[in-house]
Amino acid sequence: MKTDVIIVGGGIAGLVCARQLSQAGYTVVIFEASPHFGGRIATDEKSHTERGARVLHDWPTHPLHSFLVEAGLQFTQVDYERTEIVDTHGNPLSDLEQDSVNELALEFAGALQETAEEQPQDLSVMDVADHVLSQAEELTSTERQVIDWLLSCRELETGLNLHQASYQALSAPDDLLNNDHLETQDVIPVGGMQPVLSHLARGLDIRLSTPIATVHWNTEKPSVITSSGMQHSAHAVVITVPVGALQNNTVEFSPCLPAPYQDAIESLKMGAEVRVTLDYPDVQWHEKPHFFGLLSTDKPAFPQLINHWPTEHLPRLTAVAAGRHAELFMKMTDDDLIAHAQKAMQTISQSPLPTPAGAVVTRWGQPPYINGSISAVPVGVDPMVRARLAAPLERLIFAGEAATMHHPGTLEGAVYSGIAAATYLERLL
């Protein structure tokens, strides 16, 4: 059977692209290097813990909304405003203190933006923050802890050490959708992300555990060669593997990619993220908050804890670290990481926490075909580098969270890029 399109990479961008093309009548084959599809959306089979993205944003304007609702999936709202901030003594902030935190957060964000706009060149997020803090009136110890917590949360957005992350890129507007007039929510699928992936993958031709070694692209009939030496041809090839894998030359392009594409791949950075999910016999913390924010006398290693009780009715907490702390955590053993996470979780507990009934440790930065959490633009690099990577190269197209200007570095960005690639190929083929 002839193949119209080959997709290299079975993450959500590849699945979305393949489904749209298949529904339009094209024959599509996905080659995925790992033993499972989904990429950085991964569910632990034993505990059903989400190792990667777990939240769908901008619901119901999300591009997968109609497809998933029609498939019968149900969803639970996640409310980031239901974040309980805990001080260094383990005490939740009062409503008045919480209001002060919100006001300080708005003032700090405005000062960051104003300072960045005054600079003649791009600065790192940390450089902008240091400039703002050097000009600010003397802060109380609590105010400084709040600022450090806000900065640590920024690391969760990029996965990068804030000394490396571009402020210009982090603050760039997203012009795809202007839904200010619409009321949207953040949701998680009941049953986790695996049903989302399964519905997207249903009926698709996915070749698992089949790494692609070489892509011959500069021809009317591009082809790929697997690591075992098998050659497959099509009318177009879509590359959705993470930038981190491309930087490690896991895929060779013949001929070499033009300089703008190679430069785009090399200039982006992959962030690092570590997650530690611990299950307990019962809930020994406040049940209602969806998240806990942990203040610290130093920049918090785990600035955020996810409370799974209100959304999944599980006595489970997940500690998330990114950037510089994640880089350090990568070198630790699972036992040491669990101990660090348990210590952070103890701060919100109303009594001594027992030994966890189960634990899942995830290091986004080590899998051989991923090599990082999400892509990010480092300081000094033009944010438009993502658009250059996404520009079709005749019958070769790059897609994924790195190859989009719309919600880059997110699940939604990957979805939009998969749709854009499929739409382009429907016009081309």
Protein backbone atom coordinates (compact mmCIF):
# COMPACT_ATOMS: atom_id res chain seq x y z
CA MET A 1 0.00 0.00 0.00
CA LYS A 2 1.33 3.44 -0.87
CA THR A 3 2.08 5.89 1.93
CA ASP A 4 1.19 9.54 1.52
CA VAL A 5 2.79 10.89 4.69
CA ILE A 6 5.38 9.56 7.11
CA ILE A 7 5.39 11.04 10.60
CA VAL A 8 8.52 10.61 12.71
CA GLY A 9 7.51 10.74 16.36
CA GLY A 10 4.37 9.46 18.06
CA GLY A 11 3.79 12.28 20.54
CA ILE A 12 0.57 14.26 20.57
CA ALA A 13 1.66 16.49 17.65
CA GLY A 14 2.22 13.42 15.50
CA LEU A 15 -1.04 11.80 16.58
CA VAL A 16 -3.09 14.94 15.89
CA CYS A 17 -1.45 15.44 12.50
CA ALA A 18 -1.96 11.79 11.53
CA ARG A 19 -5.61 11.77 12.61
CA GLN A 20 -6.48 14.88 10.61
CA LEU A 21 -4.75 13.55 7.50
CA SER A 22 -6.29 10.10 7.87
CA GLN A 23 -9.76 11.58 8.19
CA ALA A 24 -9.06 13.51 4.96
CA GLY A 25 -8.31 10.24 3.18
CA TYR A 26 -4.52 10.19 3.22
CA THR A 27 -2.48 7.12 4.13
CA VAL A 28 -0.22 7.90 7.08
CA VAL A 29 2.41 5.89 8.95
CA ILE A 30 3.86 6.99 12.31
CA PHE A 31 7.29 5.75 13.34
CA GLU A 32 7.91 5.97 17.09
CA ALA A 33 11.28 5.14 18.61
CA SER A 34 10.02 4.18 22.07
CA PRO A 35 7.78 1.23 23.01
CA HIS A 36 4.77 3.51 23.53
CA PHE A 37 3.13 6.49 21.84
CA GLY A 38 2.42 9.78 23.56
CA GLY A 39 5.93 11.17 23.98
CA ARG A 40 6.07 13.51 26.96
CA ILE A 41 2.46 12.71 27.80
CA ALA A 42 2.99 9.51 29.72
CA THR A 43 0.96 7.64 32.32
CA ASP A 44 2.60 5.21 34.73
CA GLU A 45 0.88 1.91 34.02
CA LYS A 46 0.92 0.61 37.59
CA SER A 47 -0.17 3.69 39.56
CA HIS A 48 -1.86 5.64 36.74
CA THR A 49 0.30 8.61 37.70
CA GLU A 50 0.76 11.26 35.05
CA ARG A 51 4.47 11.68 34.40
CA GLY A 52 4.00 14.57 31.98
CA ALA A 53 1.24 16.98 30.99
CA ARG A 54 -2.01 16.33 32.85
CA VAL A 55 -4.01 19.54 32.25
CA LEU A 56 -5.85 20.72 29.14
CA HIS A 57 -6.02 24.51 29.05
CA ASP A 58 -8.52 26.92 27.46
CA TRP A 59 -11.48 24.56 27.73
CA PRO A 60 -13.84 24.54 25.81
CA THR A 61 -11.95 26.50 23.09
CA HIS A 62 -9.22 23.85 23.12
CA PRO A 63 -8.74 22.40 19.61
CA LEU A 64 -9.38 18.85 20.85
CA HIS A 65 -12.56 19.74 22.75
CA SER A 66 -15.15 18.57 20.22
CA PHE A 67 -13.24 15.40 19.32
CA LEU A 68 -12.76 14.30 22.93
CA VAL A 69 -16.30 15.20 24.05
CA GLU A 70 -17.76 13.30 21.10
CA ALA A 71 -15.56 10.35 22.10
CA GLY A 72 -17.37 10.32 25.45
CA LEU A 73 -14.53 11.50 27.69
CA GLN A 74 -15.40 13.40 30.84
CA PHE A 75 -13.41 16.15 32.51
CA THR A 76 -12.82 17.71 35.92
CA GLN A 77 -11.98 21.36 36.38
CA VAL A 78 -8.59 22.34 37.78
CA ASP A 79 -8.52 25.74 39.46
CA TYR A 80 -5.12 27.41 39.80
CA GLU A 81 -6.74 30.08 41.95
CA ARG A 82 -7.27 27.39 44.56
CA THR A 83 -3.60 27.51 45.50
CA GLU A 84 -2.89 27.57 49.23
CA ILE A 85 0.41 29.28 50.02
CA VAL A 86 2.18 27.95 53.08
CA ASP A 87 4.79 29.88 55.05
CA THR A 88 8.12 28.53 56.27
CA HIS A 89 6.49 27.26 59.48
CA GLY A 90 3.89 25.24 57.60
CA ASN A 91 1.06 27.67 58.28
CA PRO A 92 -1.34 28.62 55.46
CA LEU A 93 -1.43 32.33 54.74
CA SER A 94 -4.53 34.13 55.94
CA ASP A 95 -6.96 35.58 53.42
CA LEU A 96 -5.47 39.02 54.06
CA GLU A 97 -1.93 37.71 53.55
CA GLN A 98 -3.04 35.87 50.41
CA ASP A 99 -4.49 39.13 49.04
CA SER A 100 -1.16 40.82 49.75
CA VAL A 101 0.65 38.06 47.85
CA ASN A 102 -1.65 38.53 44.87
CA GLU A 103 -1.07 42.28 44.92
CA LEU A 104 2.72 41.81 45.19
CA ALA A 105 2.65 39.32 42.32
CA LEU A 106 0.86 41.82 40.07
CA GLU A 107 3.22 44.65 41.03
CA PHE A 108 6.29 42.47 40.49
CA ALA A 109 5.05 41.23 37.08
CA GLY A 110 4.39 44.82 36.00
CA ALA A 111 7.81 45.95 37.18
CA LEU A 112 9.48 43.08 35.31
CA GLN A 113 7.72 44.00 32.08
CA GLU A 114 8.45 47.72 32.43
CA THR A 115 12.12 47.07 33.19
CA ALA A 116 12.53 44.64 30.30
CA GLU A 117 11.01 47.13 27.85
CA GLU A 118 13.53 49.77 28.93
CA GLN A 119 16.53 47.57 28.07
CA PRO A 120 18.30 47.91 24.70
CA GLN A 121 18.72 44.14 24.41
CA ASP A 122 17.17 40.91 25.67
CA LEU A 123 18.01 39.95 29.25
CA SER A 124 17.56 36.77 31.20
CA VAL A 125 14.55 36.55 33.49
CA MET A 126 16.90 36.59 36.49
CA ASP A 127 18.77 39.66 35.24
CA VAL A 128 15.49 41.55 34.86
CA ALA A 129 14.37 40.41 38.32
CA ASP A 130 17.67 41.44 39.91
CA HIS A 131 17.37 44.89 38.31
CA VAL A 132 13.82 45.29 39.65
CA LEU A 133 14.82 44.16 43.13
CA SER A 134 17.84 46.50 43.20
CA GLN A 135 15.51 49.45 42.59
CA ALA A 136 12.78 48.35 44.99
CA GLU A 137 12.24 49.54 48.51
CA GLU A 138 13.51 47.22 51.21
CA LEU A 139 11.41 44.07 51.28
CA THR A 140 10.25 42.22 54.37
CA SER A 141 11.48 38.65 54.75
CA THR A 142 8.03 37.36 53.77
CA GLU A 143 7.88 39.57 50.69
CA ARG A 144 11.29 38.30 49.59
CA GLN A 145 10.15 34.71 50.10
CA VAL A 146 7.11 35.42 47.94
CA ILE A 147 9.33 36.90 45.19
CA ASP A 148 11.59 33.84 45.30
CA TRP A 149 8.55 31.60 45.07
CA LEU A 150 7.19 33.54 42.09
CA LEU A 151 10.55 33.22 40.33
CA SER A 152 10.66 29.49 41.03
CA CYS A 153 7.21 29.18 39.48
CA ARG A 154 8.60 30.93 36.39
CA GLU A 155 11.15 28.12 36.16
CA LEU A 156 8.25 25.67 35.96
CA GLU A 157 7.08 27.52 32.83
CA THR A 158 10.35 27.11 30.95
CA GLY A 159 12.23 24.30 32.65
CA LEU A 160 15.34 26.50 32.42
CA ASN A 161 17.52 28.09 35.03
CA LEU A 162 16.26 31.68 35.02
CA HIS A 163 19.77 32.94 34.36
CA GLN A 164 19.43 31.23 30.94
CA ALA A 165 15.78 31.91 30.10
CA SER A 166 14.95 34.83 27.80
CA TYR A 167 12.55 37.31 29.35
CA GLN A 168 11.57 38.56 25.90
CA ALA A 169 10.51 35.06 24.86
CA LEU A 170 8.69 34.31 28.11
CA SER A 171 6.64 37.51 27.84
CA ALA A 172 5.94 37.31 24.09
CA PRO A 173 2.20 37.59 23.31
CA ASP A 174 0.31 34.72 21.75
CA ASP A 175 -1.72 36.08 18.82
CA LEU A 176 -3.45 32.89 17.72
CA LEU A 177 -6.51 33.26 19.89
CA ASN A 178 -8.03 36.23 21.61
CA ASN A 179 -10.51 34.64 23.93
CA ASP A 180 -10.63 37.40 26.51
CA HIS A 181 -14.38 37.57 25.96
CA LEU A 182 -14.81 33.84 26.55
CA GLU A 183 -14.88 32.07 29.86
CA THR A 184 -12.41 29.18 29.67
CA GLN A 185 -11.29 26.60 32.18
CA ASP A 186 -8.41 24.25 32.82
CA VAL A 187 -9.46 20.61 33.02
CA ILE A 188 -8.05 17.13 33.46
CA PRO A 189 -9.60 14.08 31.79
CA VAL A 190 -11.30 11.63 34.10
CA GLY A 191 -9.10 8.56 33.95
CA GLY A 192 -6.01 10.56 33.02
CA MET A 193 -4.33 11.38 29.74
CA GLN A 194 -4.09 7.81 28.44
CA PRO A 195 -7.72 7.79 27.16
CA VAL A 196 -6.95 11.02 25.25
CA LEU A 197 -3.97 9.40 23.56
CA SER A 198 -5.84 6.16 22.91
CA HIS A 199 -8.70 7.93 21.15
CA LEU A 200 -6.28 9.96 19.03
CA ALA A 201 -4.32 6.83 18.11
CA ARG A 202 -7.32 4.63 17.34
CA GLY A 203 -7.09 3.19 13.83
CA LEU A 204 -3.72 4.82 13.06
CA ASP A 205 -0.75 2.88 11.70
CA ILE A 206 1.86 3.36 14.45
CA ARG A 207 5.14 1.45 14.31
CA LEU A 208 6.47 1.37 17.87
CA SER A 209 10.09 0.71 18.86
CA THR A 210 11.14 1.80 15.37
CA PRO A 211 13.70 4.60 15.54
CA ILE A 212 14.35 6.54 12.35
CA ALA A 213 18.07 6.94 11.63
CA THR A 214 18.03 8.94 8.38
CA VAL A 215 15.59 11.20 6.52
CA HIS A 216 16.15 11.80 2.79
CA TRP A 217 14.07 14.89 2.22
CA ASN A 218 15.21 16.93 -0.80
CA THR A 219 13.26 14.95 -3.37
CA GLU A 220 9.77 14.54 -4.82
CA LYS A 221 9.54 11.24 -2.96
CA PRO A 222 11.18 11.71 0.46
CA SER A 223 12.05 8.62 2.46
CA VAL A 224 13.21 7.47 5.89
CA ILE A 225 15.53 4.69 6.91
CA THR A 226 14.95 2.92 10.22
CA SER A 227 17.76 1.99 12.59
CA SER A 228 17.44 -1.58 11.32
CA GLY A 229 18.04 -0.42 7.74
CA MET A 230 14.50 -0.60 6.33
CA GLN A 231 13.57 2.19 3.89
CA HIS A 232 10.09 3.69 3.59
CA SER A 233 8.98 6.35 1.08
CA ALA A 234 6.11 8.82 1.02
CA HIS A 235 5.04 12.10 -0.56
CA ALA A 236 5.94 14.08 2.59
CA VAL A 237 7.62 13.64 5.98
CA VAL A 238 6.65 15.33 9.23
CA ILE A 239 9.23 15.47 12.03
CA THR A 240 7.72 15.74 15.50
CA VAL A 241 10.56 14.41 17.64
CA PRO A 242 11.69 16.74 20.46
CA VAL A 243 14.36 19.33 19.79
CA GLY A 244 16.53 17.64 22.41
CA ALA A 245 16.60 14.47 20.33
CA LEU A 246 17.41 16.42 17.16
CA GLN A 247 20.25 18.19 18.96
CA ASN A 248 21.70 14.79 19.88
CA ASN A 249 21.63 13.82 16.20
CA THR A 250 19.35 10.85 16.78
CA VAL A 251 18.01 11.60 13.29
CA GLU A 252 20.33 12.37 10.36
CA PHE A 253 19.07 14.53 7.50
CA SER A 254 20.34 13.94 3.97
CA PRO A 255 21.19 16.38 2.60
CA CYS A 256 21.94 18.52 5.66
CA LEU A 257 19.18 20.92 6.65
CA PRO A 258 19.49 24.52 5.43
CA ALA A 259 21.22 26.83 7.89
CA PRO A 260 18.05 28.56 9.23
CA TYR A 261 16.60 25.22 10.31
CA GLN A 262 19.83 23.89 11.75
CA ASP A 263 20.38 27.16 13.60
CA ALA A 264 16.84 27.04 14.97
CA ILE A 265 17.34 23.52 16.31
CA GLU A 266 20.69 24.34 17.86
CA SER A 267 19.63 27.66 19.41
CA LEU A 268 16.69 26.32 21.43
CA LYS A 269 17.32 24.72 24.82
CA MET A 270 15.54 21.84 26.49
CA GLY A 271 14.43 22.42 30.05
CA ALA A 272 14.71 19.97 32.91
CA GLU A 273 11.88 18.86 35.18
CA VAL A 274 11.66 16.36 38.02
CA ARG A 275 8.40 15.10 39.48
CA VAL A 276 7.96 12.99 42.58
CA THR A 277 4.49 11.57 43.17
CA LEU A 278 3.80 9.97 46.55
CA ASP A 279 0.69 8.04 47.56
CA TYR A 280 -0.44 7.98 51.18
CA PRO A 281 -2.97 5.85 53.07
CA ASP A 282 -5.21 8.88 53.63
CA VAL A 283 -5.29 12.67 53.31
CA GLN A 284 -3.39 14.43 56.09
CA TRP A 285 -3.43 17.90 54.55
CA HIS A 286 -6.12 20.40 53.63
CA GLU A 287 -8.40 18.70 51.12
CA LYS A 288 -9.75 21.67 49.16
CA PRO A 289 -6.69 23.35 47.59
CA HIS A 290 -5.78 22.11 44.13
CA PHE A 291 -2.19 23.27 44.62
CA PHE A 292 0.10 24.25 47.46
CA GLY A 293 2.75 26.96 47.10
CA LEU A 294 5.69 26.53 49.44
CA LEU A 295 7.55 29.58 50.71
CA SER A 296 11.15 29.08 51.75
CA THR A 297 14.03 31.01 53.29
CA ASP A 298 15.89 30.11 50.09
CA LYS A 299 14.54 29.71 46.57
CA PRO A 300 12.25 26.69 47.01
CA ALA A 301 13.39 23.46 45.36
CA PHE A 302 9.77 22.31 45.08
CA PRO A 303 7.76 25.53 44.71
CA GLN A 304 4.54 23.69 43.91
CA LEU A 305 2.75 20.62 45.21
CA ILE A 306 -0.17 19.17 43.25
CA ASN A 307 -3.01 17.94 45.45
CA HIS A 308 -4.77 15.08 43.66
CA TRP A 309 -7.57 14.73 46.21
CA PRO A 310 -10.08 17.38 44.97
CA THR A 311 -9.78 16.40 41.29
CA GLU A 312 -9.09 12.64 41.40
CA HIS A 313 -10.11 11.70 44.95
CA LEU A 314 -6.69 10.17 45.56
CA PRO A 315 -4.57 10.73 48.72
CA ARG A 316 -1.68 11.69 46.50
CA LEU A 317 0.73 14.61 46.24
CA THR A 318 3.14 15.49 43.44
CA ALA A 319 6.18 17.69 44.01
CA VAL A 320 7.47 19.47 40.90
CA ALA A 321 10.92 20.99 40.39
CA ALA A 322 12.39 22.60 37.29
CA GLY A 323 15.43 24.53 36.15
CA ARG A 324 18.46 24.62 38.40
CA HIS A 325 17.01 22.40 41.13
CA ALA A 326 15.87 19.82 38.59
CA GLU A 327 19.38 19.75 37.14
CA LEU A 328 20.71 18.87 40.60
CA PHE A 329 17.93 16.37 41.26
CA MET A 330 18.76 14.52 38.03
CA LYS A 331 21.91 13.25 39.73
CA MET A 332 20.15 11.99 42.86
CA THR A 333 18.91 8.49 43.53
CA ASP A 334 15.18 7.86 43.65
CA ASP A 335 15.38 7.31 47.42
CA ASP A 336 17.05 10.69 47.95
CA LEU A 337 14.49 12.42 45.73
CA ILE A 338 11.62 10.77 47.60
CA ALA A 339 13.13 11.96 50.89
CA HIS A 340 13.39 15.54 49.57
CA ALA A 341 9.80 15.46 48.34
CA GLN A 342 8.55 13.95 51.60
CA LYS A 343 10.22 16.76 53.51
CA ALA A 344 8.49 19.35 51.32
CA MET A 345 5.14 17.60 51.69
CA GLN A 346 5.54 17.44 55.47
CA THR A 347 5.24 21.24 55.60
CA ILE A 348 1.57 21.06 54.60
CA SER A 349 0.66 18.03 56.69
CA GLN A 350 -1.36 18.36 59.86
CA SER A 351 0.49 15.40 61.39
CA PRO A 352 3.68 13.41 60.68
CA LEU A 353 3.37 11.81 57.26
CA PRO A 354 3.70 8.02 57.17
CA THR A 355 5.93 6.13 54.77
CA PRO A 356 4.42 6.53 51.30
CA ALA A 357 2.35 3.62 50.04
CA GLY A 358 3.70 4.20 46.55
CA ALA A 359 6.14 6.45 44.74
CA VAL A 360 6.79 7.45 41.13
CA VAL A 361 9.86 9.51 40.20
CA THR A 362 10.04 11.11 36.76
CA ARG A 363 13.10 12.81 35.33
CA TRP A 364 12.37 14.70 32.11
CA GLY A 365 15.86 15.13 30.80
CA GLN A 366 17.14 11.58 30.63
CA PRO A 367 14.98 9.51 28.22
CA PRO A 368 17.15 8.81 25.15
CA TYR A 369 14.62 10.01 22.57
CA ILE A 370 13.43 13.09 24.48
CA ASN A 371 16.33 14.60 26.45
CA GLY A 372 14.41 17.29 28.27
CA SER A 373 11.03 18.51 29.47
CA ILE A 374 10.02 21.32 27.11
CA SER A 375 11.84 23.58 24.67
CA ALA A 376 12.68 27.11 25.73
CA VAL A 377 14.26 30.17 24.15
CA PRO A 378 17.51 31.15 25.91
CA VAL A 379 18.52 34.76 26.48
CA GLY A 380 19.76 36.52 23.36
CA VAL A 381 17.89 34.27 20.92
CA ASP A 382 15.07 35.70 18.79
CA PRO A 383 11.75 34.12 19.85
CA MET A 384 10.85 33.95 16.13
CA VAL A 385 13.28 31.04 15.89
CA ARG A 386 10.27 28.81 16.52
CA ALA A 387 8.49 30.20 13.46
CA ARG A 388 11.55 29.57 11.32
CA LEU A 389 11.61 25.94 12.43
CA ALA A 390 7.89 25.57 11.70
CA ALA A 391 8.13 26.96 8.14
CA PRO A 392 7.53 24.06 5.68
CA LEU A 393 10.56 22.95 3.71
CA GLU A 394 8.63 21.75 0.66
CA ARG A 395 7.82 18.14 1.60
CA LEU A 396 9.53 18.21 4.99
CA ILE A 397 7.71 19.78 7.93
CA PHE A 398 8.69 20.16 11.58
CA ALA A 399 5.95 20.07 14.20
CA GLY A 400 5.73 19.83 17.98
CA GLU A 401 5.76 22.19 20.94
CA ALA A 402 9.06 23.72 19.76
CA ALA A 403 7.85 24.46 16.23
CA THR A 404 5.05 26.92 16.94
CA MET A 405 4.55 30.49 18.07
CA HIS A 406 1.19 29.63 19.60
CA HIS A 407 1.43 28.34 23.18
CA PRO A 408 5.02 27.15 22.60
CA GLY A 409 6.42 24.68 25.07
CA THR A 410 2.98 23.30 25.95
CA LEU A 411 0.68 20.44 25.08
CA GLU A 412 -1.58 22.94 23.32
CA GLY A 413 1.34 24.22 21.26
CA ALA A 414 2.07 20.67 20.12
CA VAL A 415 -1.57 20.18 19.14
CA TYR A 416 -1.72 23.44 17.17
CA SER A 417 1.50 22.58 15.34
CA GLY A 418 0.18 19.15 14.41
CA ILE A 419 -2.97 20.74 13.01
CA ALA A 420 -0.91 23.33 11.08
CA ALA A 421 1.28 20.61 9.54
CA ALA A 422 -1.72 18.54 8.48
CA THR A 423 -3.50 21.58 7.01
CA TYR A 424 -0.41 22.49 4.98
CA LEU A 425 -0.11 18.95 3.61
CA GLU A 426 -3.80 18.83 2.68
CA ARG A 427 -3.16 21.82 0.42
CA LEU A 428 0.14 20.44 -0.91
CA LEU A 429 -0.75 16.83 -1.70
